Protein backbone atom coordinates (compact mmCIF):
# COMPACT_ATOMS: atom_id res chain seq x y z
CA UNK A 1 -12.62 -15.72 -8.92
CA UNK A 2 -15.56 -17.00 -6.84
CA UNK A 3 -14.14 -15.60 -3.60
CA UNK A 4 -13.21 -12.29 -5.25
CA UNK A 5 -16.69 -11.83 -6.67
CA UNK A 6 -18.52 -12.64 -3.44
CA UNK A 7 -18.08 -9.19 -1.87
CA UNK A 8 -20.75 -6.47 -1.95
CA UNK A 9 -18.67 -4.13 -4.09
CA UNK A 10 -16.76 -6.73 -6.07
CA UNK A 11 -18.27 -5.58 -9.37
CA UNK A 12 -16.72 -2.15 -8.85
CA UNK A 13 -13.24 -3.63 -8.75
CA UNK A 14 -13.34 -6.95 -10.64
CA UNK A 15 -14.86 -8.13 -13.91
CA UNK A 16 -16.71 -11.47 -14.16
CA UNK A 17 -13.38 -13.31 -14.62
CA UNK A 18 -11.95 -11.86 -11.40
CA UNK A 19 -9.59 -9.48 -13.23
CA UNK A 20 -9.03 -6.04 -11.73
CA UNK A 21 -10.98 -3.40 -13.63
CA UNK A 22 -8.86 -0.29 -13.05
CA UNK A 23 -5.35 -1.68 -12.83
CA UNK A 24 -4.06 -2.96 -16.13
CA UNK A 25 -0.54 -3.94 -15.08
CA UNK A 26 -0.06 -5.40 -11.65
CA UNK A 27 3.36 -6.65 -10.64
CA UNK A 28 3.39 -10.06 -9.03
CA UNK A 29 5.96 -9.78 -6.32
CA UNK A 30 6.49 -11.82 -3.21
CA UNK A 31 6.36 -9.98 0.10
CA UNK A 32 10.15 -10.15 0.35
CA UNK A 33 10.64 -8.86 -3.20
CA UNK A 34 8.33 -5.96 -2.48
CA UNK A 35 10.18 -5.05 0.73
CA UNK A 36 13.60 -5.31 -0.89
CA UNK A 37 13.09 -3.89 -4.36
CA UNK A 38 10.19 -1.50 -3.98
CA UNK A 39 10.87 -0.28 -0.45
CA UNK A 40 14.67 -0.71 -0.60
CA UNK A 41 15.02 -2.75 2.57
CA UNK A 42 17.83 -5.08 3.56
CA UNK A 43 16.99 -8.63 2.38
CA UNK A 44 18.79 -10.19 5.36
CA UNK A 45 16.64 -8.38 7.93
CA UNK A 46 13.47 -8.46 5.85
CA UNK A 47 13.39 -12.22 5.07
CA UNK A 48 12.20 -13.23 8.58
CA UNK A 49 9.75 -10.31 8.61
CA UNK A 50 8.35 -11.37 5.22
CA UNK A 51 7.91 -14.91 6.55
CA UNK A 52 5.92 -13.41 9.43
CA UNK A 53 3.71 -11.33 7.12
CA UNK A 54 3.01 -13.98 4.48
CA UNK A 55 0.51 -16.10 6.51
CA UNK A 56 -1.59 -12.98 7.17
CA UNK A 57 -1.94 -12.16 3.50
CA UNK A 58 -3.58 -15.31 2.18
CA UNK A 59 -6.35 -14.40 -0.24
CA UNK A 60 -8.89 -16.67 1.44
CA UNK A 61 -9.69 -15.32 4.93
CA UNK A 62 -10.22 -18.81 6.36
CA UNK A 63 -6.66 -19.77 5.44
CA UNK A 64 -4.99 -16.76 7.06
CA UNK A 65 -2.96 -17.21 10.22
CA UNK A 66 -4.72 -16.28 13.43
CA UNK A 67 -3.38 -13.70 15.86
CA UNK A 68 -2.70 -16.52 18.30
CA UNK A 69 -0.60 -18.39 15.72
CA UNK A 70 1.32 -15.25 14.83
CA UNK A 71 2.14 -14.54 18.47
CA UNK A 72 4.23 -17.72 18.41
CA UNK A 73 6.01 -16.90 15.14
CA UNK A 74 9.82 -17.01 15.39
CA UNK A 75 10.12 -13.42 14.13
CA UNK A 76 8.34 -12.11 17.22
CA UNK A 77 10.28 -14.42 19.50
CA UNK A 78 13.81 -13.58 18.37
CA UNK A 79 15.82 -10.40 18.92
CA UNK A 80 17.09 -8.46 15.93
CA UNK A 81 20.89 -8.86 15.65
CA UNK A 82 22.85 -5.62 16.09
CA UNK A 83 24.63 -6.04 12.77
CA UNK A 84 21.32 -6.08 10.87
CA UNK A 85 19.39 -3.60 12.99
CA UNK A 86 16.52 -1.95 11.15
CA UNK A 87 14.53 0.74 13.00
CA UNK A 88 11.34 0.06 11.03
CA UNK A 89 11.46 -3.67 11.76
CA UNK A 90 12.09 -2.94 15.44
CA UNK A 91 9.13 -0.54 15.55
CA UNK A 92 6.84 -3.03 13.76
CA UNK A 93 7.88 -5.78 16.16
CA UNK A 94 7.18 -3.59 19.21
CA UNK A 95 3.71 -2.64 17.95
CA UNK A 96 2.75 -6.21 17.11
CA UNK A 97 4.01 -7.57 20.44
CA UNK A 98 1.56 -5.42 22.43
């Protein structure tokens, strides 16, 4: 909770134990589970995308992947197969490759 409580407005969102104040039930889903079950995406096409996103989402900023590291991630380097084409994944890949 030390990291959570270090922000200027942390007290607005977290109690002294680091528990969210205004959200009583928070699902603990992996990135892939969220993409597949909540957003109804294809798990085959979303698994590599989730692996790309995960290093960016580390709670501690110092442990997050850098932009340079992510530019070399396999998801950005590989084409999307025609049999698992997903327009949203293609759009996300194009934006991130710029």
